[in-house]
C-alpha cells in the first residue's frame, strides 16, 4: 500500500523540477529557445511627431529579417504587419531598430552600445539594439519617453 501524502509530495516536486527546466533564466537568452516562444511585435510611439521604424528581428523559423518601414503616429501604438502577415519575434533573440523622423533624420533609442549596419533597398542603415518589454503575447518597443506596457 502506498502513502497518499508521500505520493502527493513526490508529484509536486516532480512538477516543480519539470517547470524549473523550462523556466531557467539562461534558457531565455539562448538561440536554441523553441520557436513557439515568439510574440507579436507592438511599437508604442510616445513622441510628439510621427516616427518611421525598420526592424531587424528573428522570425519563428529562426531566420533574421529586416522589415519596414512602418509609420507610427504620435502617441499611438501599432501591432506590426509585414505584407499582411503578423510580425513575430523570438523571445531569446535581440531586437534591433532603425528609427527616423519625418525628415528622415536617423534617431535611436538604444538599450546598449551594440549596433549593426544593414543594406536596405540599396541604402546602408544603422540599427541599434532596442529595449524590449514582454507582456502576454506581445513584445513592446517604446519610442521616446517610456511608459510601461501595463500603462498602454
Protein backbone atom coordinates (compact mmCIF):
# COMPACT_ATOMS: atom_id res chain seq x y z
CA UNK A 1 0.00 0.00 0.00
CA UNK A 2 1.35 3.47 -0.89
CA UNK A 3 1.24 6.54 1.26
CA UNK A 4 -1.02 9.20 -0.40
CA UNK A 5 0.84 12.07 1.29
CA UNK A 6 4.20 10.80 0.03
CA UNK A 7 2.75 10.43 -3.50
CA UNK A 8 1.38 13.98 -3.33
CA UNK A 9 4.79 15.46 -2.41
CA UNK A 10 6.61 13.30 -4.94
CA UNK A 11 4.28 14.53 -7.71
CA UNK A 12 4.56 18.14 -6.50
CA UNK A 13 8.39 18.11 -6.56
CA UNK A 14 8.48 16.31 -9.89
CA UNK A 15 6.23 19.02 -11.40
CA UNK A 16 8.41 21.79 -9.91
CA UNK A 17 11.52 20.16 -11.37
CA UNK A 18 9.94 19.99 -14.83
CA UNK A 19 8.86 23.64 -14.63
CA UNK A 20 12.32 24.73 -13.49
CA UNK A 21 13.87 23.12 -16.56
CA UNK A 22 11.64 25.20 -18.84
CA UNK A 23 11.95 28.43 -16.88
CA UNK A 24 15.69 28.65 -16.27
CA UNK A 25 16.89 32.22 -16.94
CA UNK A 26 19.82 31.14 -19.12
CA UNK A 27 17.46 29.33 -21.47
CA UNK A 28 15.55 32.54 -22.18
CA UNK A 29 18.64 34.05 -23.81
CA UNK A 30 19.61 31.07 -25.88
CA UNK A 31 19.28 30.99 -29.66
CA UNK A 32 18.03 27.44 -29.23
CA UNK A 33 14.90 28.70 -27.42
CA UNK A 34 11.91 26.94 -29.02
CA UNK A 35 10.16 28.65 -31.92
CA UNK A 36 6.88 28.51 -30.01
CA UNK A 37 8.23 31.24 -27.69
CA UNK A 38 7.59 34.04 -30.17
CA UNK A 39 5.46 37.10 -29.58
CA UNK A 40 3.76 39.69 -31.76
CA UNK A 41 5.65 42.96 -32.06
CA UNK A 42 3.91 46.15 -30.96
CA UNK A 43 5.51 49.59 -31.20
CA UNK A 44 4.41 52.47 -28.97
CA UNK A 45 5.31 55.98 -30.20
CA UNK A 46 5.28 58.33 -27.19
CA UNK A 47 6.80 61.17 -29.24
CA UNK A 48 5.04 64.34 -30.34
CA UNK A 49 5.77 63.57 -34.01
CA UNK A 50 5.44 60.53 -36.24
CA UNK A 51 8.32 58.06 -36.48
CA UNK A 52 9.29 55.52 -39.12
CA UNK A 53 10.84 52.29 -37.93
CA UNK A 54 12.68 49.44 -39.59
CA UNK A 55 13.21 46.29 -37.50
CA UNK A 56 15.85 43.61 -37.69
CA UNK A 57 14.13 40.71 -35.95
CA UNK A 58 14.29 36.94 -35.66
CA UNK A 59 11.26 35.15 -37.06
CA UNK A 60 9.71 32.00 -35.62
CA UNK A 61 11.67 29.87 -38.08
CA UNK A 62 14.97 31.31 -36.78
CA UNK A 63 15.74 33.48 -39.81
CA UNK A 64 16.74 37.11 -39.31
CA UNK A 65 14.84 39.59 -41.50
CA UNK A 66 14.62 43.35 -41.88
CA UNK A 67 11.05 44.63 -42.06
CA UNK A 68 9.55 48.05 -42.57
CA UNK A 69 9.40 50.88 -42.70
CA UNK A 70 6.33 51.22 -40.55
CA UNK A 71 4.98 54.70 -39.80
CA UNK A 72 3.81 55.18 -36.23
CA UNK A 73 1.74 58.26 -35.46
CA UNK A 74 2.41 60.27 -32.27
CA UNK A 75 1.00 58.80 -29.06
CA UNK A 76 -0.19 55.70 -30.90
CA UNK A 77 0.73 52.04 -30.79
CA UNK A 78 0.75 49.67 -33.74
CA UNK A 79 0.78 45.88 -33.99
CA UNK A 80 3.19 45.35 -36.86
CA UNK A 81 2.23 43.58 -40.08
CA UNK A 82 4.61 42.67 -42.92
CA UNK A 83 2.87 42.09 -46.26
CA UNK A 84 -0.33 41.44 -44.32
CA UNK A 85 1.31 38.89 -42.01
CA UNK A 86 1.67 39.41 -38.27
CA UNK A 87 5.25 40.15 -37.22
CA UNK A 88 6.51 37.72 -34.57
CA UNK A 89 9.88 37.93 -32.81
CA UNK A 90 11.58 35.10 -30.89
CA UNK A 91 11.97 35.87 -27.17
CA UNK A 92 15.56 34.69 -26.91
CA UNK A 93 16.92 36.96 -29.66
CA UNK A 94 17.87 40.63 -29.51
CA UNK A 95 15.80 43.18 -31.41
CA UNK A 96 17.34 45.97 -33.48
CA UNK A 97 15.71 49.08 -34.95
CA UNK A 98 16.45 51.95 -37.30
CA UNK A 99 14.15 54.85 -36.42
CA UNK A 100 13.75 58.13 -38.32
CA UNK A 101 11.67 61.25 -38.00
CA UNK A 102 9.59 62.66 -40.89
CA UNK A 103 12.70 64.46 -42.22
CA UNK A 104 14.49 61.08 -42.43
CA UNK A 105 16.90 62.08 -39.67
CA UNK A 106 18.24 58.94 -38.02
CA UNK A 107 17.21 58.72 -34.37
CA UNK A 108 17.94 55.97 -31.93
CA UNK A 109 16.62 54.89 -28.59
CA UNK A 110 19.17 52.35 -27.55
CA UNK A 111 19.39 49.71 -24.87
CA UNK A 112 23.11 49.25 -25.25
CA UNK A 113 26.05 50.02 -27.46
CA UNK A 114 25.57 47.25 -29.98
CA UNK A 115 24.76 48.41 -33.49
CA UNK A 116 24.57 46.78 -36.90
CA UNK A 117 24.82 48.11 -40.44
CA UNK A 118 22.23 46.65 -42.80
CA UNK A 119 21.68 47.19 -46.50
CA UNK A 120 18.01 48.06 -47.01
CA UNK A 121 16.91 48.76 -50.58
CA UNK A 122 20.44 49.83 -51.55
CA UNK A 123 20.92 52.10 -48.50
CA UNK A 124 23.19 51.30 -45.57
CA UNK A 125 21.17 51.86 -42.40
CA UNK A 126 22.43 51.81 -38.83
CA UNK A 127 20.40 49.57 -36.50
CA UNK A 128 20.63 49.78 -32.71
CA UNK A 129 19.61 47.23 -30.10
CA UNK A 130 16.36 48.42 -28.52
CA UNK A 131 14.84 47.89 -25.09
CA UNK A 132 12.02 45.36 -25.14
CA UNK A 133 9.17 44.77 -22.73
CA UNK A 134 7.29 41.48 -22.62
CA UNK A 135 3.62 41.43 -21.70
CA UNK A 136 1.39 38.49 -22.52
CA UNK A 137 1.50 37.68 -26.23
CA UNK A 138 3.39 40.86 -27.16
CA UNK A 139 6.91 42.24 -27.18
CA UNK A 140 6.74 46.03 -26.92
CA UNK A 141 9.16 48.64 -28.22
CA UNK A 142 8.81 52.14 -26.77
CA UNK A 143 9.87 55.22 -28.73
CA UNK A 144 10.58 58.46 -26.80
CA UNK A 145 9.66 58.68 -23.12
CA UNK A 146 8.91 55.28 -21.74
CA UNK A 147 5.60 54.10 -20.46
CA UNK A 148 5.44 50.60 -19.14
CA UNK A 149 3.37 48.23 -21.32
CA UNK A 150 0.85 47.91 -18.49
CA UNK A 151 0.12 51.64 -18.90
CA UNK A 152 -0.90 51.22 -22.56
